PDB file of N, CA and C in Angstrom:
ATOM      1  N   UNK A   1      93.470 110.299  99.776  1.00  0.00           N
ATOM      2  CA  UNK A   1      93.958 110.404 101.021  1.00  0.00           C
ATOM      3  C   UNK A   1      95.323 110.892 101.131  1.00  0.00           C
ATOM      4  N   UNK A   2      95.493 112.161 101.670  1.00  0.00           N
ATOM      5  CA  UNK A   2      97.118 112.542 102.186  1.00  0.00           C
ATOM      6  C   UNK A   2      97.646 112.095 103.151  1.00  0.00           C
ATOM      7  N   UNK A   3      98.441 111.745 103.712  1.00  0.00           N
ATOM      8  CA  UNK A   3      98.906 111.301 105.022  1.00  0.00           C
ATOM      9  C   UNK A   3     100.173 111.744 105.466  1.00  0.00           C
ATOM     10  N   UNK A   4     100.644 112.174 106.637  1.00  0.00           N
ATOM     11  CA  UNK A   4     101.714 112.826 106.693  1.00  0.00           C
ATOM     12  C   UNK A   4     102.172 112.662 108.226  1.00  0.00           C
ATOM     13  N   UNK A   5     103.426 112.158 108.858  1.00  0.00           N
ATOM     14  CA  UNK A   5     103.663 111.587 110.073  1.00  0.00           C
ATOM     15  C   UNK A   5     104.457 112.555 110.797  1.00  0.00           C
ATOM     16  N   UNK A   6     103.658 113.117 111.949  1.00  0.00           N
ATOM     17  CA  UNK A   6     104.353 114.331 112.419  1.00  0.00           C
ATOM     18  C   UNK A   6     105.225 114.028 113.344  1.00  0.00           C
ATOM     19  N   UNK A   7     105.035 112.820 114.399  1.00  0.00           N
ATOM     20  CA  UNK A   7     105.914 112.215 115.062  1.00  0.00           C
ATOM     21  C   UNK A   7     106.172 110.941 115.449  1.00  0.00           C
ATOM     22  N   UNK A   8     107.344 110.623 115.415  1.00  0.00           N
ATOM     23  CA  UNK A   8     107.373 108.941 115.495  1.00  0.00           C
ATOM     24  C   UNK A   8     108.615 108.404 116.533  1.00  0.00           C
ATOM     25  N   UNK A   9     107.890 108.120 117.907  1.00  0.00           N
ATOM     26  CA  UNK A   9     109.185 107.820 118.918  1.00  0.00           C
ATOM     27  C   UNK A   9     108.796 106.365 119.243  1.00  0.00           C
ATOM     28  N   UNK A  10     110.502 105.699 119.443  1.00  0.00           N
ATOM     29  CA  UNK A  10     110.711 104.085 119.546  1.00  0.00           C
ATOM     30  C   UNK A  10     110.256 104.063 121.142  1.00  0.00           C
ATOM     31  N   UNK A  11     109.430 103.061 121.237  1.00  0.00           N
ATOM     32  CA  UNK A  11     109.312 103.140 122.922  1.00  0.00           C
ATOM     33  C   UNK A  11     109.871 101.270 123.121  1.00  0.00           C
ATOM     34  N   UNK A  12     111.011 101.463 123.685  1.00  0.00           N
ATOM     35  CA  UNK A  12     111.885 100.078 123.875  1.00  0.00           C
ATOM     36  C   UNK A  12     111.217  98.916 124.674  1.00  0.00           C
ATOM     37  N   UNK A  13     110.517  99.680 125.887  1.00  0.00           N
ATOM     38  CA  UNK A  13     110.085  98.951 126.969  1.00  0.00           C
ATOM     39  C   UNK A  13     109.228  98.196 126.590  1.00  0.00           C
ATOM     40  N   UNK A  14     108.102  99.174 125.895  1.00  0.00           N
ATOM     41  CA  UNK A  14     106.810  98.356 125.590  1.00  0.00           C
ATOM     42  C   UNK A  14     107.209  97.525 124.177  1.00  0.00           C
ATOM     43  N   UNK A  15     107.925  97.397 123.325  1.00  0.00           N
ATOM     44  CA  UNK A  15     108.192  97.346 122.003  1.00  0.00           C
ATOM     45  C   UNK A  15     107.121  97.760 121.223  1.00  0.00           C
ATOM     46  N   UNK A  16     107.533  99.306 121.143  1.00  0.00           N
ATOM     47  CA  UNK A  16     106.493 100.067 120.208  1.00  0.00           C
ATOM     48  C   UNK A  16     106.857 100.977 119.864  1.00  0.00           C
ATOM     49  N   UNK A  17     106.457 101.512 118.607  1.00  0.00           N
ATOM     50  CA  UNK A  17     106.537 102.914 118.220  1.00  0.00           C
ATOM     51  C   UNK A  17     105.034 103.685 118.551  1.00  0.00           C
ATOM     52  N   UNK A  18     105.533 105.047 118.765  1.00  0.00           N
ATOM     53  CA  UNK A  18     104.405 105.752 119.199  1.00  0.00           C
ATOM     54  C   UNK A  18     104.207 107.016 117.833  1.00  0.00           C
ATOM     55  N   UNK A  19     103.121 107.113 117.037  1.00  0.00           N
ATOM     56  CA  UNK A  19     103.112 108.061 116.150  1.00  0.00           C
ATOM     57  C   UNK A  19     102.001 108.857 116.163  1.00  0.00           C
ATOM     58  N   UNK A  20     102.206 110.064 115.959  1.00  0.00           N
ATOM     59  CA  UNK A  20     101.148 110.935 115.754  1.00  0.00           C
ATOM     60  C   UNK A  20     101.150 111.739 114.224  1.00  0.00           C
ATOM     61  N   UNK A  21     100.002 111.276 113.915  1.00  0.00           N
ATOM     62  CA  UNK A  21      99.803 111.821 112.251  1.00  0.00           C
ATOM     63  C   UNK A  21      98.563 112.620 111.671  1.00  0.00           C
ATOM     64  N   UNK A  22      99.137 113.347 110.725  1.00  0.00           N
ATOM     65  CA  UNK A  22      97.661 114.201 110.250  1.00  0.00           C
ATOM     66  C   UNK A  22      97.265 113.696 109.064  1.00  0.00           C
ATOM     67  N   UNK A  23      96.020 113.199 108.543  1.00  0.00           N
ATOM     68  CA  UNK A  23      95.635 112.845 107.574  1.00  0.00           C
ATOM     69  C   UNK A  23      94.761 113.738 106.939  1.00  0.00           C
ATOM     70  N   UNK A  24      94.881 114.205 105.587  1.00  0.00           N
ATOM     71  CA  UNK A  24      94.306 115.056 105.053  1.00  0.00           C
ATOM     72  C   UNK A  24      93.076 114.051 103.905  1.00  0.00           C
ATOM     73  N   UNK A  25      91.571 114.380 103.619  1.00  0.00           N
ATOM     74  CA  UNK A  25      90.829 113.543 102.976  1.00  0.00           C
ATOM     75  C   UNK A  25      90.096 114.543 102.046  1.00  0.00           C
ATOM     76  N   UNK A  26      89.158 114.100 101.073  1.00  0.00           N
ATOM     77  CA  UNK A  26      88.244 114.585 100.564  1.00  0.00           C
ATOM     78  C   UNK A  26      87.033 113.696 101.029  1.00  0.00           C
ATOM     79  N   UNK A  27      85.610 114.467 100.972  1.00  0.00           N
ATOM     80  CA  UNK A  27      84.463 113.705 101.408  1.00  0.00           C
ATOM     81  C   UNK A  27      84.525 113.796 102.783  1.00  0.00           C
ATOM     82  N   UNK A  28      83.474 112.621 102.940  1.00  0.00           N
ATOM     83  CA  UNK A  28      83.122 112.262 104.465  1.00  0.00           C
ATOM     84  C   UNK A  28      84.507 111.927 105.212  1.00  0.00           C
ATOM     85  N   UNK A  29      84.559 111.782 106.734  1.00  0.00           N
ATOM     86  CA  UNK A  29      85.332 111.170 107.477  1.00  0.00           C
ATOM     87  C   UNK A  29      85.692 109.967 107.392  1.00  0.00           C
ATOM     88  N   UNK A  30      86.882 109.453 107.120  1.00  0.00           N
ATOM     89  CA  UNK A  30      87.232 108.104 106.837  1.00  0.00           C
ATOM     90  C   UNK A  30      86.894 107.233 108.270  1.00  0.00           C
ATOM     91  N   UNK A  31      86.389 106.505 108.364  1.00  0.00           N
ATOM     92  CA  UNK A  31      86.385 105.259 109.135  1.00  0.00           C
ATOM     93  C   UNK A  31      87.711 104.905 109.959  1.00  0.00           C
ATOM     94  N   UNK A  32      87.675 104.567 111.552  1.00  0.00           N
ATOM     95  CA  UNK A  32      88.485 103.541 111.752  1.00  0.00           C
ATOM     96  C   UNK A  32      89.553 102.678 111.211  1.00  0.00           C
ATOM     97  N   UNK A  33      88.452 101.503 110.639  1.00  0.00           N
ATOM     98  CA  UNK A  33      89.245 100.420 109.605  1.00  0.00           C
ATOM     99  C   UNK A  33      90.107 101.008 108.248  1.00  0.00           C
ATOM    100  N   UNK A  34      89.403 102.517 107.813  1.00  0.00           N
ATOM    101  CA  UNK A  34      90.294 102.721 106.850  1.00  0.00           C
ATOM    102  C   UNK A  34      91.676 103.552 107.238  1.00  0.00           C
ATOM    103  N   UNK A  35      91.439 104.069 108.087  1.00  0.00           N
ATOM    104  CA  UNK A  35      92.693 105.008 108.784  1.00  0.00           C
ATOM    105  C   UNK A  35      93.956 103.914 109.195  1.00  0.00           C
ATOM    106  N   UNK A  36      93.450 103.125 110.010  1.00  0.00           N
ATOM    107  CA  UNK A  36      94.734 101.649 110.040  1.00  0.00           C
ATOM    108  C   UNK A  36      94.775 101.291 109.107  1.00  0.00           C
ATOM    109  N   UNK A  37      94.186 100.710 108.156  1.00  0.00           N
ATOM    110  CA  UNK A  37      94.502 100.481 106.884  1.00  0.00           C
ATOM    111  C   UNK A  37      95.700 101.438 106.161  1.00  0.00           C
ATOM    112  N   UNK A  38      95.292 102.679 106.095  1.00  0.00           N
ATOM    113  CA  UNK A  38      96.388 103.493 105.299  1.00  0.00           C
ATOM    114  C   UNK A  38      97.581 103.592 106.588  1.00  0.00           C
ATOM    115  N   UNK A  39      97.413 103.473 107.245  1.00  0.00           N
ATOM    116  CA  UNK A  39      98.472 104.132 108.455  1.00  0.00           C
ATOM    117  C   UNK A  39      99.530 102.338 108.224  1.00  0.00           C
ATOM    118  N   UNK A  40      99.125 101.684 108.163  1.00  0.00           N
ATOM    119  CA  UNK A  40      99.843  99.949 108.035  1.00  0.00           C
ATOM    120  C   UNK A  40     100.653 100.016 106.755  1.00  0.00           C
ATOM    121  N   UNK A  41      99.825 100.515 105.836  1.00  0.00           N
ATOM    122  CA  UNK A  41     100.539 100.561 104.546  1.00  0.00           C
ATOM    123  C   UNK A  41     101.262 101.437 104.333  1.00  0.00           C
ATOM    124  N   UNK A  42     101.151 102.844 104.916  1.00  0.00           N
ATOM    125  CA  UNK A  42     101.969 103.822 104.562  1.00  0.00           C
ATOM    126  C   UNK A  42     103.280 103.385 105.362  1.00  0.00           C
ATOM    127  N   UNK A  43     103.266 102.693 106.699  1.00  0.00           N
ATOM    128  CA  UNK A  43     104.763 102.706 107.477  1.00  0.00           C
ATOM    129  C   UNK A  43     105.333 101.349 107.554  1.00  0.00           C
ATOM    130  N   UNK A  44     104.067 100.477 106.735  1.00  0.00           N
ATOM    131  CA  UNK A  44     104.794  98.764 106.207  1.00  0.00           C
ATOM    132  C   UNK A  44     105.151  98.286 107.245  1.00  0.00           C
ATOM    133  N   UNK A  45     103.353  98.010 108.248  1.00  0.00           N
ATOM    134  CA  UNK A  45     103.272  97.006 109.279  1.00  0.00           C
ATOM    135  C   UNK A  45     101.836  96.453 108.782  1.00  0.00           C
ATOM    136  N   UNK A  46     101.752  95.314 109.697  1.00  0.00           N
ATOM    137  CA  UNK A  46     100.694  94.631 109.410  1.00  0.00           C
ATOM    138  C   UNK A  46      99.566  95.114 110.069  1.00  0.00           C
ATOM    139  N   UNK A  47      98.043  95.171 109.832  1.00  0.00           N
ATOM    140  CA  UNK A  47      97.230  95.609 110.365  1.00  0.00           C
ATOM    141  C   UNK A  47      97.079  95.138 111.793  1.00  0.00           C
ATOM    142  N   UNK A  48      97.541  94.093 112.008  1.00  0.00           N
ATOM    143  CA  UNK A  48      97.023  93.361 113.512  1.00  0.00           C
ATOM    144  C   UNK A  48      98.009  93.936 114.246  1.00  0.00           C
ATOM    145  N   UNK A  49      99.090  94.805 113.929  1.00  0.00           N
ATOM    146  CA  UNK A  49     100.101  95.457 114.996  1.00  0.00           C
ATOM    147  C   UNK A  49      99.932  96.966 115.187  1.00  0.00           C
ATOM    148  N   UNK A  50      99.043  97.686 114.466  1.00  0.00           N
ATOM    149  CA  UNK A  50      98.282  98.753 115.014  1.00  0.00           C
ATOM    150  C   UNK A  50      97.087  98.617 115.840  1.00  0.00           C
ATOM    151  N   UNK A  51      97.101 100.044 116.643  1.00  0.00           N
ATOM    152  CA  UNK A  51      96.169 100.631 117.879  1.00  0.00           C
ATOM    153  C   UNK A  51      95.998 101.834 117.457  1.00  0.00           C
ATOM    154  N   UNK A  52      94.917 102.247 116.650  1.00  0.00           N
ATOM    155  CA  UNK A  52      94.718 103.701 116.776  1.00  0.00           C
ATOM    156  C   UNK A  52      93.977 104.354 118.213  1.00  0.00           C
ATOM    157  N   UNK A  53      94.811 105.097 118.649  1.00  0.00           N
ATOM    158  CA  UNK A  53      94.601 105.674 119.937  1.00  0.00           C
ATOM    159  C   UNK A  53      93.080 106.794 119.495  1.00  0.00           C
ATOM    160  N   UNK A  54      93.403 107.843 119.268  1.00  0.00           N
ATOM    161  CA  UNK A  54      92.484 108.961 118.887  1.00  0.00           C
ATOM    162  C   UNK A  54      92.462 109.420 117.551  1.00  0.00           C
ATOM    163  N   UNK A  55      91.279 109.904 117.171  1.00  0.00           N
ATOM    164  CA  UNK A  55      90.869 111.147 115.999  1.00  0.00           C
ATOM    165  C   UNK A  55      90.212 112.068 116.097  1.00  0.00           C
ATOM    166  N   UNK A  56      91.239 112.949 115.739  1.00  0.00           N
ATOM    167  CA  UNK A  56      90.354 114.147 115.792  1.00  0.00           C
ATOM    168  C   UNK A  56      90.046 115.047 114.606  1.00  0.00           C
ATOM    169  N   UNK A  57      89.072 115.615 114.477  1.00  0.00           N
ATOM    170  CA  UNK A  57      88.812 116.454 113.343  1.00  0.00           C
ATOM    171  C   UNK A  57      88.225 117.691 113.696  1.00  0.00           C
ATOM    172  N   UNK A  58      88.531 118.963 113.217  1.00  0.00           N
ATOM    173  CA  UNK A  58      87.990 120.344 113.435  1.00  0.00           C
ATOM    174  C   UNK A  58      86.867 120.466 112.503  1.00  0.00           C
ATOM    175  N   UNK A  59      85.817 121.346 113.187  1.00  0.00           N
ATOM    176  CA  UNK A  59      84.814 121.481 112.420  1.00  0.00           C
ATOM    177  C   UNK A  59      84.844 122.014 110.815  1.00  0.00           C
ATOM    178  N   UNK A  60      84.421 121.969 109.857  1.00  0.00           N
ATOM    179  CA  UNK A  60      84.679 122.403 108.320  1.00  0.00           C
ATOM    180  C   UNK A  60      85.790 122.110 107.687  1.00  0.00           C
ATOM    181  N   UNK A  61      86.856 121.477 108.767  1.00  0.00           N
ATOM    182  CA  UNK A  61      88.036 120.992 107.783  1.00  0.00           C
ATOM    183  C   UNK A  61      88.089 119.505 107.572  1.00  0.00           C
ATOM    184  N   UNK A  62      88.979 119.355 106.505  1.00  0.00           N
ATOM    185  CA  UNK A  62      88.959 118.098 105.720  1.00  0.00           C
ATOM    186  C   UNK A  62      90.584 117.532 106.344  1.00  0.00           C
ATOM    187  N   UNK A  63      90.289 117.465 107.561  1.00  0.00           N
ATOM    188  CA  UNK A  63      91.812 117.540 107.854  1.00  0.00           C
ATOM    189  C   UNK A  63      91.592 116.586 109.170  1.00  0.00           C
ATOM    190  N   UNK A  64      92.465 114.958 110.034  1.00  0.00           N
ATOM    191  CA  UNK A  64      92.003 114.655 110.813  1.00  0.00           C
ATOM    192  C   UNK A  64      93.388 114.261 111.823  1.00  0.00           C
ATOM    193  N   UNK A  65      93.546 114.722 112.658  1.00  0.00           N
ATOM    194  CA  UNK A  65      94.896 114.540 113.604  1.00  0.00           C
ATOM    195  C   UNK A  65      94.424 113.203 114.511  1.00  0.00           C
ATOM    196  N   UNK A  66      95.520 112.180 114.509  1.00  0.00           N
ATOM    197  CA  UNK A  66      95.152 111.311 115.648  1.00  0.00           C
ATOM    198  C   UNK A  66      96.752 110.809 115.831  1.00  0.00           C
ATOM    199  N   UNK A  67      96.678 109.814 116.754  1.00  0.00           N
ATOM    200  CA  UNK A  67      98.002 109.282 117.210  1.00  0.00           C
ATOM    201  C   UNK A  67      97.580 107.765 117.267  1.00  0.00           C
ATOM    202  N   UNK A  68      98.534 106.925 117.183  1.00  0.00           N
ATOM    203  CA  UNK A  68      98.515 105.388 117.135  1.00  0.00           C
ATOM    204  C   UNK A  68      99.610 104.567 117.861  1.00  0.00           C
ATOM    205  N   UNK A  69      99.617 103.386 118.084  1.00  0.00           N
ATOM    206  CA  UNK A  69     100.907 102.519 118.448  1.00  0.00           C
ATOM    207  C   UNK A  69     100.720 101.410 117.561  1.00  0.00           C
ATOM    208  N   UNK A  70     102.097 101.457 117.175  1.00  0.00           N
ATOM    209  CA  UNK A  70     102.591 100.232 116.566  1.00  0.00           C
ATOM    210  C   UNK A  70     103.358  98.761 117.032  1.00  0.00           C
ATOM    211  N   UNK A  71     102.658  98.303 117.366  1.00  0.00           N
ATOM    212  CA  UNK A  71     103.813  96.817 117.972  1.00  0.00           C
ATOM    213  C   UNK A  71     104.268  96.322 117.008  1.00  0.00           C
ATOM    214  N   UNK A  72     105.709  95.556 117.783  1.00  0.00           N
ATOM    215  CA  UNK A  72     106.647  94.690 117.009  1.00  0.00           C
ATOM    216  C   UNK A  72     105.788  93.703 116.870  1.00  0.00           C
ATOM    217  N   UNK A  73     105.063  93.241 117.610  1.00  0.00           N
ATOM    218  CA  UNK A  73     104.545  92.001 117.195  1.00  0.00           C
ATOM    219  C   UNK A  73     103.146  92.140 117.849  1.00  0.00           C
ATOM    220  N   UNK A  74     102.506  90.627 117.270  1.00  0.00           N
ATOM    221  CA  UNK A  74     100.873  90.855 117.964  1.00  0.00           C
ATOM    222  C   UNK A  74     100.672  90.268 119.478  1.00  0.00           C
ATOM    223  N   UNK A  75     101.894  89.406 120.164  1.00  0.00           N
ATOM    224  CA  UNK A  75     101.722  89.082 121.034  1.00  0.00           C
ATOM    225  C   UNK A  75     102.050  90.126 122.374  1.00  0.00           C
ATOM    226  N   UNK A  76     102.964  91.278 121.907  1.00  0.00           N
ATOM    227  CA  UNK A  76     103.169  92.370 122.738  1.00  0.00           C
ATOM    228  C   UNK A  76     101.999  93.347 122.497  1.00  0.00           C
ATOM    229  N   UNK A  77     101.243  93.599 121.875  1.00  0.00           N
ATOM    230  CA  UNK A  77     100.289  94.210 121.350  1.00  0.00           C
ATOM    231  C   UNK A  77      99.203  93.739 122.640  1.00  0.00           C
ATOM    232  N   UNK A  78      98.756  92.228 122.534  1.00  0.00           N
ATOM    233  CA  UNK A  78      97.972  91.901 123.237  1.00  0.00           C
ATOM    234  C   UNK A  78      98.366  91.865 124.786  1.00  0.00           C
ATOM    235  N   UNK A  79      99.749  91.963 125.041  1.00  0.00           N
ATOM    236  CA  UNK A  79     100.098  91.530 126.535  1.00  0.00           C
ATOM    237  C   UNK A  79      99.886  93.138 127.199  1.00  0.00           C
ATOM    238  N   UNK A  80      99.876  94.201 126.344  1.00  0.00           N
ATOM    239  CA  UNK A  80     100.545  95.497 126.592  1.00  0.00           C
ATOM    240  C   UNK A  80      98.734  96.514 126.498  1.00  0.00           C
ATOM    241  N   UNK A  81      98.158  96.294 125.892  1.00  0.00           N
ATOM    242  CA  UNK A  81      97.074  97.012 125.267  1.00  0.00           C
ATOM    243  C   UNK A  81      95.706  97.068 125.942  1.00  0.00           C
ATOM    244  N   UNK A  82      94.834  97.723 126.079  1.00  0.00           N
ATOM    245  CA  UNK A  82      93.514  97.410 126.833  1.00  0.00           C
ATOM    246  C   UNK A  82      92.652  96.907 125.759  1.00  0.00           C
ATOM    247  N   UNK A  83      91.582  95.828 126.233  1.00  0.00           N
ATOM    248  CA  UNK A  83      90.900  95.101 124.961  1.00  0.00           C
ATOM    249  C   UNK A  83      90.047  95.710 124.283  1.00  0.00           C
ATOM    250  N   UNK A  84      89.556  97.085 124.682  1.00  0.00           N
ATOM    251  CA  UNK A  84      88.379  98.043 124.310  1.00  0.00           C
ATOM    252  C   UNK A  84      88.575  98.536 123.224  1.00  0.00           C
ATOM    253  N   UNK A  85      90.575  98.867 123.271  1.00  0.00           N
ATOM    254  CA  UNK A  85      91.080  99.586 122.199  1.00  0.00           C
ATOM    255  C   UNK A  85      91.388  98.578 120.647  1.00  0.00           C
ATOM    256  N   UNK A  86      91.626  97.544 121.473  1.00  0.00           N
ATOM    257  CA  UNK A  86      91.790  96.545 120.414  1.00  0.00           C
ATOM    258  C   UNK A  86      90.554  96.368 119.692  1.00  0.00           C
ATOM    259  N   UNK A  87      89.643  96.541 119.908  1.00  0.00           N
ATOM    260  CA  UNK A  87      88.059  96.051 119.701  1.00  0.00           C
ATOM    261  C   UNK A  87      87.766  96.883 118.743  1.00  0.00           C
ATOM    262  N   UNK A  88      87.910  98.336 119.052  1.00  0.00           N
ATOM    263  CA  UNK A  88      87.097  99.831 118.580  1.00  0.00           C
ATOM    264  C   UNK A  88      87.396  99.868 117.346  1.00  0.00           C
ATOM    265  N   UNK A  89      85.870 100.326 116.325  1.00  0.00           N
ATOM    266  CA  UNK A  89      86.308 100.579 115.476  1.00  0.00           C
ATOM    267  C   UNK A  89      86.088  99.247 114.380  1.00  0.00           C
ATOM    268  N   UNK A  90      86.392  97.905 114.896  1.00  0.00           N
ATOM    269  CA  UNK A  90      86.346  96.887 114.111  1.00  0.00           C
ATOM    270  C   UNK A  90      85.140  96.459 113.728  1.00  0.00           C
ATOM    271  N   UNK A  91      84.779  95.764 112.261  1.00  0.00           N
ATOM    272  CA  UNK A  91      83.462  95.242 111.894  1.00  0.00           C
ATOM    273  C   UNK A  91      83.305  94.552 112.776  1.00  0.00           C
ATOM    274  N   UNK A  92      81.825  94.168 113.251  1.00  0.00           N
ATOM    275  CA  UNK A  92      81.566  93.020 114.086  1.00  0.00           C
ATOM    276  C   UNK A  92      81.286  91.804 113.252  1.00  0.00           C
ATOM    277  N   UNK A  93      81.604  90.793 113.848  1.00  0.00           N
ATOM    278  CA  UNK A  93      81.149  89.398 112.647  1.00  0.00           C
ATOM    279  C   UNK A  93      79.357  89.378 112.608  1.00  0.00           C
ATOM    280  N   UNK A  94      79.356  88.964 111.621  1.00  0.00           N
ATOM    281  CA  UNK A  94      78.168  89.006 111.103  1.00  0.00           C
ATOM    282  C   UNK A  94      77.464  87.684 111.637  1.00  0.00           C
ATOM    283  N   UNK A  95      76.342  87.475 112.446  1.00  0.00           N
ATOM    284  CA  UNK A  95      75.608  86.694 112.748  1.00  0.00           C
ATOM    285  C   UNK A  95      74.878  85.623 111.648  1.00  0.00           C
ATOM    286  N   UNK A  96      74.730  84.401 111.647  1.00  0.00           N
ATOM    287  CA  UNK A  96      74.366  83.272 111.278  1.00  0.00           C
ATOM    288  C   UNK A  96      73.254  82.948 111.269  1.00  0.00           C
ATOM    289  N   UNK A  97      72.306  83.188 110.428  1.00  0.00           N
ATOM    290  CA  UNK A  97      70.701  83.283 110.691  1.00  0.00           C
ATOM    291  C   UNK A  97      70.084  81.687 111.114  1.00  0.00           C
TER     292      UNK A  97
END
């Protein structure tokens, strides 16, 4: 996977960075968990500070465009971000039988 940041803006009021990116990949489209992991590793932040807003692919292309928000702390993320965006794409906890 090849990762490129196209826009990186600092939002001091909400204590976060707003990032637009392009991800080029081979094979099937990566999951949201994989994209968050790659984004966190590339920008040297924890995965619990990243919220992936949108991912868009074009038909027949192995390129994904998206935008994400990277918070300074987990507390700032929980205070600002909508709950369904935080839990979207995360693996569900397995139920014990």
